[in-house]
Amino acid sequence: MWNRLTSNFWLPEKVPLSNDIPAWQALSPMEQQLTIRVFTGLTLLDTIQNTAGAPALMNGRPHPA
């Protein structure tokens, strides 16, 4: 169940973000701001999806004790 639920988003321990530092620093301040806003919107959509989707996946499934 955990793997199925966590497949909807990335986990920081599975994605080496430090590899992106040079590319991030090469962006203009406006491009950085736009990127932050895009990821903020996508995070909101993921949150909504998981709020509705996770309980739907668990319906009819046994819950761990």
Protein backbone atom coordinates (compact mmCIF):
# COMPACT_ATOMS: atom_id res chain seq x y z
CA MET A 1 0.00 0.00 0.00
CA TRP A 2 2.81 2.43 0.93
CA ASN A 3 4.53 2.01 -2.44
CA ARG A 4 1.27 2.57 -4.27
CA LEU A 5 0.48 5.74 -2.33
CA THR A 6 4.01 7.15 -2.60
CA SER A 7 4.16 6.53 -6.34
CA ASN A 8 1.97 9.64 -6.72
CA PHE A 9 4.79 11.96 -5.66
CA TRP A 10 8.55 12.10 -5.35
CA LEU A 11 10.36 11.45 -2.10
CA PRO A 12 13.43 13.61 -1.35
CA GLU A 13 15.56 10.60 -0.46
CA LYS A 14 14.94 9.16 -3.94
CA VAL A 15 15.72 12.32 -5.95
CA PRO A 16 19.21 13.93 -5.72
CA LEU A 17 18.20 17.61 -5.85
CA SER A 18 21.79 18.79 -5.49
CA ASN A 19 22.32 17.84 -9.14
CA ASP A 20 19.95 20.68 -10.10
CA ILE A 21 21.83 23.51 -8.34
CA PRO A 22 23.88 24.63 -11.39
CA ALA A 23 20.80 24.68 -13.64
CA TRP A 24 18.81 26.59 -10.99
CA GLN A 25 21.56 29.19 -10.60
CA ALA A 26 21.63 29.68 -14.38
CA LEU A 27 17.96 30.76 -14.39
CA SER A 28 17.05 34.43 -14.22
CA PRO A 29 15.17 35.61 -11.09
CA MET A 30 11.96 35.76 -13.15
CA GLU A 31 12.46 32.17 -14.38
CA GLN A 32 13.13 31.02 -10.81
CA GLN A 33 9.94 32.71 -9.59
CA LEU A 34 7.90 31.15 -12.40
CA THR A 35 9.35 27.71 -11.62
CA ILE A 36 8.48 28.09 -7.94
CA ARG A 37 4.93 29.10 -8.83
CA VAL A 38 4.50 26.15 -11.21
CA PHE A 39 5.71 23.69 -8.58
CA THR A 40 3.48 25.32 -5.97
CA GLY A 41 0.45 24.77 -8.22
CA LEU A 42 1.44 21.19 -9.00
CA THR A 43 1.95 20.49 -5.29
CA LEU A 44 -1.53 21.80 -4.57
CA LEU A 45 -3.00 19.54 -7.26
CA ASP A 46 -1.10 16.54 -5.85
CA THR A 47 -2.39 17.36 -2.37
CA ILE A 48 -5.97 17.49 -3.61
CA GLN A 49 -5.52 14.25 -5.55
CA ASN A 50 -4.05 12.44 -2.56
CA THR A 51 -6.67 13.79 -0.19
CA ALA A 52 -9.41 12.32 -2.37
CA GLY A 53 -7.49 9.46 -3.97
CA ALA A 54 -5.80 7.82 -0.99
CA PRO A 55 -9.05 7.15 0.91
CA ALA A 56 -10.63 5.81 -2.29
CA LEU A 57 -7.74 3.35 -2.68
CA MET A 58 -8.19 2.17 0.89
CA ASN A 59 -11.93 1.46 0.66
CA GLY A 60 -12.51 -2.23 1.15
CA ARG A 61 -8.91 -2.89 2.12
CA PRO A 62 -7.86 -4.23 5.51
CA HIS A 63 -6.15 -1.62 7.67
CA PRO A 64 -2.90 -2.47 9.47
CA ALA A 65 -3.27 -2.83 13.22
